[in-house]
PDB file of all heavy atoms in Angstrom:
ATOM      1  N   PRO A   1     -53.642 -68.517  14.847  1.00  0.00           N
ATOM      2  CA  PRO A   1     -53.777 -68.709  13.393  1.00  0.00           C
ATOM      3  C   PRO A   1     -55.199 -68.595  12.877  1.00  0.00           C
ATOM      4  O   PRO A   1     -55.421 -68.177  11.740  1.00  0.00           O
ATOM      5  CB  PRO A   1     -53.213 -70.119  13.178  1.00  0.00           C
ATOM      6  CG  PRO A   1     -52.328 -70.362  14.362  1.00  0.00           C
ATOM      7  CD  PRO A   1     -52.977 -69.652  15.504  1.00  0.00           C
ATOM      8  N   ASP A   2     -56.170 -68.979  13.688  1.00  0.00           N
ATOM      9  CA  ASP A   2     -57.560 -69.012  13.201  1.00  0.00           C
ATOM     10  C   ASP A   2     -58.404 -67.863  13.750  1.00  0.00           C
ATOM     11  O   ASP A   2     -59.633 -67.881  13.612  1.00  0.00           O
ATOM     12  CB  ASP A   2     -58.206 -70.347  13.593  1.00  0.00           C
ATOM     13  CG  ASP A   2     -57.478 -71.544  13.012  1.00  0.00           C
ATOM     14  OD1 ASP A   2     -57.025 -71.440  11.850  1.00  0.00           O
ATOM     15  OD2 ASP A   2     -57.337 -72.565  13.723  1.00  0.00           O
ATOM     16  N   GLU A   3     -57.765 -66.879  14.357  1.00  0.00           N
ATOM     17  CA  GLU A   3     -58.518 -65.784  14.980  1.00  0.00           C
ATOM     18  C   GLU A   3     -58.593 -64.575  14.059  1.00  0.00           C
ATOM     19  O   GLU A   3     -57.871 -64.477  13.060  1.00  0.00           O
ATOM     20  CB  GLU A   3     -57.868 -65.391  16.313  1.00  0.00           C
ATOM     21  CG  GLU A   3     -57.783 -66.527  17.323  1.00  0.00           C
ATOM     22  CD  GLU A   3     -59.150 -67.016  17.775  1.00  0.00           C
ATOM     23  OE1 GLU A   3     -60.145 -66.266  17.588  1.00  0.00           O
ATOM     24  OE2 GLU A   3     -59.241 -68.127  18.306  1.00  0.00           O
ATOM     25  N   GLU A   4     -59.468 -63.654  14.414  1.00  0.00           N
ATOM     26  CA  GLU A   4     -59.701 -62.454  13.613  1.00  0.00           C
ATOM     27  C   GLU A   4     -58.498 -61.508  13.673  1.00  0.00           C
ATOM     28  O   GLU A   4     -57.914 -61.293  14.739  1.00  0.00           O
ATOM     29  CB  GLU A   4     -60.948 -61.736  14.123  1.00  0.00           C
ATOM     30  CG  GLU A   4     -61.299 -60.457  13.379  1.00  0.00           C
ATOM     31  CD  GLU A   4     -62.501 -59.750  13.978  1.00  0.00           C
ATOM     32  OE1 GLU A   4     -63.053 -60.253  14.980  1.00  0.00           O
ATOM     33  OE2 GLU A   4     -62.864 -58.671  13.451  1.00  0.00           O
ATOM     34  N   SER A   5     -58.151 -60.937  12.521  1.00  0.00           N
ATOM     35  CA  SER A   5     -57.087 -59.934  12.466  1.00  0.00           C
ATOM     36  C   SER A   5     -57.695 -58.562  12.772  1.00  0.00           C
ATOM     37  O   SER A   5     -58.673 -58.153  12.138  1.00  0.00           O
ATOM     38  CB  SER A   5     -56.435 -59.924  11.085  1.00  0.00           C
ATOM     39  OG  SER A   5     -55.412 -58.954  11.031  1.00  0.00           O
ATOM     40  N   VAL A   6     -57.110 -57.863  13.748  1.00  0.00           N
ATOM     41  CA  VAL A   6     -57.685 -56.592  14.200  1.00  0.00           C
ATOM     42  C   VAL A   6     -56.599 -55.511  14.261  1.00  0.00           C
ATOM     43  O   VAL A   6     -55.405 -55.799  14.218  1.00  0.00           O
ATOM     44  CB  VAL A   6     -58.343 -56.744  15.585  1.00  0.00           C
ATOM     45  CG1 VAL A   6     -59.576 -57.628  15.498  1.00  0.00           C
ATOM     46  CG2 VAL A   6     -57.344 -57.295  16.603  1.00  0.00           C
ATOM     47  N   THR A   7     -57.037 -54.264  14.359  1.00  0.00           N
ATOM     48  CA  THR A   7     -56.120 -53.117  14.431  1.00  0.00           C
ATOM     49  C   THR A   7     -55.531 -53.000  15.841  1.00  0.00           C
ATOM     50  O   THR A   7     -55.786 -53.827  16.716  1.00  0.00           O
ATOM     51  CB  THR A   7     -56.850 -51.827  14.081  1.00  0.00           C
ATOM     52  OG1 THR A   7     -57.838 -51.559  15.086  1.00  0.00           O
ATOM     53  CG2 THR A   7     -57.528 -51.942  12.722  1.00  0.00           C
ATOM     54  N   ALA A   8     -54.788 -51.925  16.059  1.00  0.00           N
ATOM     55  CA  ALA A   8     -54.119 -51.713  17.339  1.00  0.00           C
ATOM     56  C   ALA A   8     -55.094 -51.569  18.507  1.00  0.00           C
ATOM     57  O   ALA A   8     -54.713 -51.776  19.662  1.00  0.00           O
ATOM     58  CB  ALA A   8     -53.230 -50.479  17.257  1.00  0.00           C
ATOM     59  N   ASP A   9     -56.351 -51.210  18.230  1.00  0.00           N
ATOM     60  CA  ASP A   9     -57.348 -51.119  19.306  1.00  0.00           C
ATOM     61  C   ASP A   9     -57.819 -52.487  19.772  1.00  0.00           C
ATOM     62  O   ASP A   9     -58.511 -52.593  20.785  1.00  0.00           O
ATOM     63  CB  ASP A   9     -58.555 -50.293  18.854  1.00  0.00           C
ATOM     64  CG  ASP A   9     -58.291 -48.803  18.940  1.00  0.00           C
ATOM     65  OD1 ASP A   9     -57.378 -48.397  19.695  1.00  0.00           O
ATOM     66  OD2 ASP A   9     -58.990 -48.026  18.258  1.00  0.00           O
ATOM     67  N   GLY A  10     -57.473 -53.542  19.016  1.00  0.00           N
ATOM     68  CA  GLY A  10     -57.832 -54.898  19.407  1.00  0.00           C
ATOM     69  C   GLY A  10     -59.271 -55.261  19.085  1.00  0.00           C
ATOM     70  O   GLY A  10     -60.020 -54.472  18.494  1.00  0.00           O
ATOM     71  N   ASN A  11     -59.662 -56.455  19.493  1.00  0.00           N
ATOM     72  CA  ASN A  11     -61.032 -56.927  19.307  1.00  0.00           C
ATOM     73  C   ASN A  11     -61.860 -56.435  20.486  1.00  0.00           C
ATOM     74  O   ASN A  11     -61.835 -57.011  21.567  1.00  0.00           O
ATOM     75  CB  ASN A  11     -61.052 -58.455  19.229  1.00  0.00           C
ATOM     76  CG  ASN A  11     -62.438 -59.005  18.926  1.00  0.00           C
ATOM     77  OD1 ASN A  11     -63.434 -58.284  18.989  1.00  0.00           O
ATOM     78  ND2 ASN A  11     -62.510 -60.289  18.602  1.00  0.00           N
ATOM     79  N   THR A  12     -62.594 -55.349  20.267  1.00  0.00           N
ATOM     80  CA  THR A  12     -63.324 -54.704  21.370  1.00  0.00           C
ATOM     81  C   THR A  12     -64.501 -55.531  21.857  1.00  0.00           C
ATOM     82  O   THR A  12     -65.107 -55.198  22.885  1.00  0.00           O
ATOM     83  CB  THR A  12     -63.807 -53.308  20.944  1.00  0.00           C
ATOM     84  OG1 THR A  12     -64.593 -53.416  19.759  1.00  0.00           O
ATOM     85  CG2 THR A  12     -62.619 -52.394  20.673  1.00  0.00           C
ATOM     86  N   ASN A  13     -64.847 -56.600  21.136  1.00  0.00           N
ATOM     87  CA  ASN A  13     -65.916 -57.489  21.587  1.00  0.00           C
ATOM     88  C   ASN A  13     -65.385 -58.609  22.491  1.00  0.00           C
ATOM     89  O   ASN A  13     -66.152 -59.458  22.946  1.00  0.00           O
ATOM     90  CB  ASN A  13     -66.626 -58.114  20.377  1.00  0.00           C
ATOM     91  CG  ASN A  13     -67.359 -57.078  19.541  1.00  0.00           C
ATOM     92  OD1 ASN A  13     -68.020 -56.187  20.092  1.00  0.00           O
ATOM     93  ND2 ASN A  13     -67.225 -57.165  18.225  1.00  0.00           N
ATOM     94  N   TRP A  14     -64.082 -58.612  22.719  1.00  0.00           N
ATOM     95  CA  TRP A  14     -63.481 -59.671  23.535  1.00  0.00           C
ATOM     96  C   TRP A  14     -62.467 -59.012  24.478  1.00  0.00           C
ATOM     97  O   TRP A  14     -61.333 -58.757  24.123  1.00  0.00           O
ATOM     98  CB  TRP A  14     -62.803 -60.698  22.623  1.00  0.00           C
ATOM     99  CG  TRP A  14     -62.244 -61.904  23.325  1.00  0.00           C
ATOM    100  CD1 TRP A  14     -62.231 -62.162  24.667  1.00  0.00           C
ATOM    101  CD2 TRP A  14     -61.614 -63.026  22.709  1.00  0.00           C
ATOM    102  NE1 TRP A  14     -61.630 -63.353  24.928  1.00  0.00           N
ATOM    103  CE2 TRP A  14     -61.241 -63.923  23.745  1.00  0.00           C
ATOM    104  CE3 TRP A  14     -61.328 -63.371  21.385  1.00  0.00           C
ATOM    105  CZ2 TRP A  14     -60.596 -65.131  23.489  1.00  0.00           C
ATOM    106  CZ3 TRP A  14     -60.684 -64.564  21.134  1.00  0.00           C
ATOM    107  CH2 TRP A  14     -60.328 -65.444  22.173  1.00  0.00           C
ATOM    108  N   VAL A  15     -62.910 -58.729  25.675  1.00  0.00           N
ATOM    109  CA  VAL A  15     -62.059 -58.101  26.686  1.00  0.00           C
ATOM    110  C   VAL A  15     -61.657 -59.157  27.706  1.00  0.00           C
ATOM    111  O   VAL A  15     -62.481 -59.954  28.154  1.00  0.00           O
ATOM    112  CB  VAL A  15     -62.782 -56.937  27.383  1.00  0.00           C
ATOM    113  CG1 VAL A  15     -61.936 -56.363  28.518  1.00  0.00           C
ATOM    114  CG2 VAL A  15     -63.116 -55.837  26.370  1.00  0.00           C
ATOM    115  N   LEU A  16     -60.399 -59.173  28.080  1.00  0.00           N
ATOM    116  CA  LEU A  16     -59.912 -60.181  29.017  1.00  0.00           C
ATOM    117  C   LEU A  16     -58.752 -59.622  29.822  1.00  0.00           C
ATOM    118  O   LEU A  16     -58.241 -58.532  29.554  1.00  0.00           O
ATOM    119  CB  LEU A  16     -59.481 -61.445  28.283  1.00  0.00           C
ATOM    120  CG  LEU A  16     -58.139 -61.440  27.522  1.00  0.00           C
ATOM    121  CD1 LEU A  16     -57.792 -62.843  27.051  1.00  0.00           C
ATOM    122  CD2 LEU A  16     -58.098 -60.460  26.380  1.00  0.00           C
ATOM    123  N   GLY A  17     -58.323 -60.397  30.821  1.00  0.00           N
ATOM    124  CA  GLY A  17     -57.150 -60.062  31.610  1.00  0.00           C
ATOM    125  C   GLY A  17     -56.118 -61.164  31.456  1.00  0.00           C
ATOM    126  O   GLY A  17     -56.367 -62.200  30.827  1.00  0.00           O
ATOM    127  N   ASN A  18     -54.945 -60.958  32.017  1.00  0.00           N
ATOM    128  CA  ASN A  18     -53.912 -61.981  32.000  1.00  0.00           C
ATOM    129  C   ASN A  18     -54.348 -63.140  32.887  1.00  0.00           C
ATOM    130  O   ASN A  18     -54.748 -62.935  34.035  1.00  0.00           O
ATOM    131  CB  ASN A  18     -52.595 -61.379  32.516  1.00  0.00           C
ATOM    132  CG  ASN A  18     -51.446 -62.360  32.476  1.00  0.00           C
ATOM    133  OD1 ASN A  18     -51.469 -63.340  31.717  1.00  0.00           O
ATOM    134  ND2 ASN A  18     -50.431 -62.117  33.287  1.00  0.00           N
ATOM    135  N   ASP A  19     -54.291 -64.362  32.372  1.00  0.00           N
ATOM    136  CA  ASP A  19     -54.726 -65.514  33.160  1.00  0.00           C
ATOM    137  C   ASP A  19     -53.932 -65.648  34.447  1.00  0.00           C
ATOM    138  O   ASP A  19     -54.439 -66.171  35.447  1.00  0.00           O
ATOM    139  CB  ASP A  19     -54.600 -66.808  32.333  1.00  0.00           C
ATOM    140  CG  ASP A  19     -55.786 -67.002  31.390  1.00  0.00           C
ATOM    141  OD1 ASP A  19     -56.523 -66.018  31.172  1.00  0.00           O
ATOM    142  OD2 ASP A  19     -55.961 -68.118  30.860  1.00  0.00           O
ATOM    143  N   ALA A  20     -52.687 -65.180  34.443  1.00  0.00           N
ATOM    144  CA  ALA A  20     -51.856 -65.256  35.640  1.00  0.00           C
ATOM    145  C   ALA A  20     -52.114 -64.087  36.586  1.00  0.00           C
ATOM    146  O   ALA A  20     -51.564 -64.047  37.684  1.00  0.00           O
ATOM    147  CB  ALA A  20     -50.380 -65.285  35.247  1.00  0.00           C
ATOM    148  N   GLY A  21     -52.942 -63.157  36.168  1.00  0.00           N
ATOM    149  CA  GLY A  21     -53.190 -61.983  36.989  1.00  0.00           C
ATOM    150  C   GLY A  21     -51.957 -61.096  37.020  1.00  0.00           C
ATOM    151  O   GLY A  21     -51.255 -60.944  36.028  1.00  0.00           O
ATOM    152  N   ALA A  22     -51.681 -60.502  38.181  1.00  0.00           N
ATOM    153  CA  ALA A  22     -50.447 -59.733  38.348  1.00  0.00           C
ATOM    154  C   ALA A  22     -49.274 -60.707  38.268  1.00  0.00           C
ATOM    155  O   ALA A  22     -49.271 -61.750  38.921  1.00  0.00           O
ATOM    156  CB  ALA A  22     -50.459 -59.017  39.688  1.00  0.00           C
ATOM    157  N   GLU A  23     -48.286 -60.350  37.454  1.00  0.00           N
ATOM    158  CA  GLU A  23     -47.205 -61.306  37.187  1.00  0.00           C
ATOM    159  C   GLU A  23     -45.883 -60.570  37.017  1.00  0.00           C
ATOM    160  O   GLU A  23     -45.819 -59.509  36.394  1.00  0.00           O
ATOM    161  CB  GLU A  23     -47.539 -62.101  35.923  1.00  0.00           C
ATOM    162  CG  GLU A  23     -46.611 -63.269  35.655  1.00  0.00           C
ATOM    163  CD  GLU A  23     -47.036 -64.080  34.432  1.00  0.00           C
ATOM    164  OE1 GLU A  23     -47.814 -63.554  33.593  1.00  0.00           O
ATOM    165  OE2 GLU A  23     -46.596 -65.231  34.311  1.00  0.00           O
ATOM    166  N   HIS A  24     -44.825 -61.125  37.596  1.00  0.00           N
ATOM    167  CA  HIS A  24     -43.477 -60.573  37.480  1.00  0.00           C
ATOM    168  C   HIS A  24     -43.426 -59.098  37.877  1.00  0.00           C
ATOM    169  O   HIS A  24     -42.829 -58.263  37.191  1.00  0.00           O
ATOM    170  CB  HIS A  24     -42.938 -60.762  36.065  1.00  0.00           C
ATOM    171  CG  HIS A  24     -42.793 -62.194  35.657  1.00  0.00           C
ATOM    172  ND1 HIS A  24     -42.220 -63.154  36.483  1.00  0.00           N
ATOM    173  CD2 HIS A  24     -43.153 -62.844  34.521  1.00  0.00           C
ATOM    174  CE1 HIS A  24     -42.220 -64.324  35.879  1.00  0.00           C
ATOM    175  NE2 HIS A  24     -42.802 -64.173  34.688  1.00  0.00           N
ATOM    176  N   GLY A  25     -44.050 -58.783  39.000  1.00  0.00           N
ATOM    177  CA  GLY A  25     -44.003 -57.432  39.546  1.00  0.00           C
ATOM    178  C   GLY A  25     -44.873 -56.424  38.842  1.00  0.00           C
ATOM    179  O   GLY A  25     -44.810 -55.230  39.153  1.00  0.00           O
ATOM    180  N   LYS A  26     -45.706 -56.874  37.910  1.00  0.00           N
ATOM    181  CA  LYS A  26     -46.544 -55.959  37.139  1.00  0.00           C
ATOM    182  C   LYS A  26     -48.016 -56.252  37.411  1.00  0.00           C
ATOM    183  O   LYS A  26     -48.398 -57.395  37.657  1.00  0.00           O
ATOM    184  CB  LYS A  26     -46.254 -56.088  35.639  1.00  0.00           C
ATOM    185  CG  LYS A  26     -44.763 -55.960  35.301  1.00  0.00           C
ATOM    186  CD  LYS A  26     -44.499 -56.295  33.849  1.00  0.00           C
ATOM    187  CE  LYS A  26     -43.011 -56.427  33.581  1.00  0.00           C
ATOM    188  NZ  LYS A  26     -42.422 -57.658  34.186  1.00  0.00           N
ATOM    189  N   SER A  27     -48.822 -55.215  37.312  1.00  0.00           N
ATOM    190  CA  SER A  27     -50.247 -55.366  37.600  1.00  0.00           C
ATOM    191  C   SER A  27     -50.941 -56.178  36.517  1.00  0.00           C
ATOM    192  O   SER A  27     -50.413 -56.376  35.420  1.00  0.00           O
ATOM    193  CB  SER A  27     -50.910 -53.988  37.684  1.00  0.00           C
ATOM    194  OG  SER A  27     -50.992 -53.409  36.386  1.00  0.00           O
ATOM    195  N   ASN A  28     -52.129 -56.626  36.833  1.00  0.00           N
ATOM    196  CA  ASN A  28     -52.995 -57.230  35.818  1.00  0.00           C
ATOM    197  C   ASN A  28     -53.597 -56.089  34.981  1.00  0.00           C
ATOM    198  O   ASN A  28     -53.415 -54.901  35.293  1.00  0.00           O
ATOM    199  CB  ASN A  28     -54.086 -58.059  36.483  1.00  0.00           C
ATOM    200  CG  ASN A  28     -54.772 -59.003  35.506  1.00  0.00           C
ATOM    201  OD1 ASN A  28     -54.412 -59.093  34.333  1.00  0.00           O
ATOM    202  ND2 ASN A  28     -55.780 -59.719  35.984  1.00  0.00           N
ATOM    203  N   LEU A  29     -54.342 -56.442  33.960  1.00  0.00           N
ATOM    204  CA  LEU A  29     -54.965 -55.452  33.085  1.00  0.00           C
ATOM    205  C   LEU A  29     -56.155 -56.085  32.391  1.00  0.00           C
ATOM    206  O   LEU A  29     -56.109 -57.259  32.015  1.00  0.00           O
ATOM    207  CB  LEU A  29     -53.958 -54.974  32.025  1.00  0.00           C
ATOM    208  CG  LEU A  29     -54.499 -54.062  30.909  1.00  0.00           C
ATOM    209  CD1 LEU A  29     -54.837 -52.687  31.475  1.00  0.00           C
ATOM    210  CD2 LEU A  29     -53.493 -53.934  29.768  1.00  0.00           C
ATOM    211  N   TYR A  30     -57.226 -55.299  32.212  1.00  0.00           N
ATOM    212  CA  TYR A  30     -58.372 -55.730  31.411  1.00  0.00           C
ATOM    213  C   TYR A  30     -58.464 -54.823  30.187  1.00  0.00           C
ATOM    214  O   TYR A  30     -58.623 -53.599  30.308  1.00  0.00           O
ATOM    215  CB  TYR A  30     -59.658 -55.677  32.227  1.00  0.00           C
ATOM    216  CG  TYR A  30     -59.677 -56.723  33.320  1.00  0.00           C
ATOM    217  CD1 TYR A  30     -59.364 -56.372  34.635  1.00  0.00           C
ATOM    218  CD2 TYR A  30     -59.972 -58.055  33.039  1.00  0.00           C
ATOM    219  CE1 TYR A  30     -59.351 -57.331  35.637  1.00  0.00           C
ATOM    220  CE2 TYR A  30     -59.961 -59.026  34.039  1.00  0.00           C
ATOM    221  CZ  TYR A  30     -59.649 -58.652  35.334  1.00  0.00           C
ATOM    222  OH  TYR A  30     -59.622 -59.604  36.330  1.00  0.00           O
ATOM    223  N   ALA A  31     -58.325 -55.433  29.004  1.00  0.00           N
ATOM    224  CA  ALA A  31     -58.318 -54.677  27.750  1.00  0.00           C
ATOM    225  C   ALA A  31     -58.706 -55.606  26.607  1.00  0.00           C
ATOM    226  O   ALA A  31     -58.667 -56.838  26.743  1.00  0.00           O
ATOM    227  CB  ALA A  31     -56.931 -54.077  27.505  1.00  0.00           C
ATOM    228  N   PRO A  32     -59.091 -55.045  25.450  1.00  0.00           N
ATOM    229  CA  PRO A  32     -59.442 -55.891  24.299  1.00  0.00           C
ATOM    230  C   PRO A  32     -58.263 -56.755  23.862  1.00  0.00           C
ATOM    231  O   PRO A  32     -57.119 -56.300  23.835  1.00  0.00           O
ATOM    232  CB  PRO A  32     -59.804 -54.865  23.212  1.00  0.00           C
ATOM    233  CG  PRO A  32     -60.242 -53.655  23.966  1.00  0.00           C
ATOM    234  CD  PRO A  32     -59.362 -53.616  25.183  1.00  0.00           C
TER     235      PRO A  32
END
């Protein structure tokens, strides 16, 4: 609710991965 609204490219100043890492048979990912 209190975060910045961004386009489909996401917030390019904040890149992260899934906290659970690879999960449910799927790889992790680092993206905005």
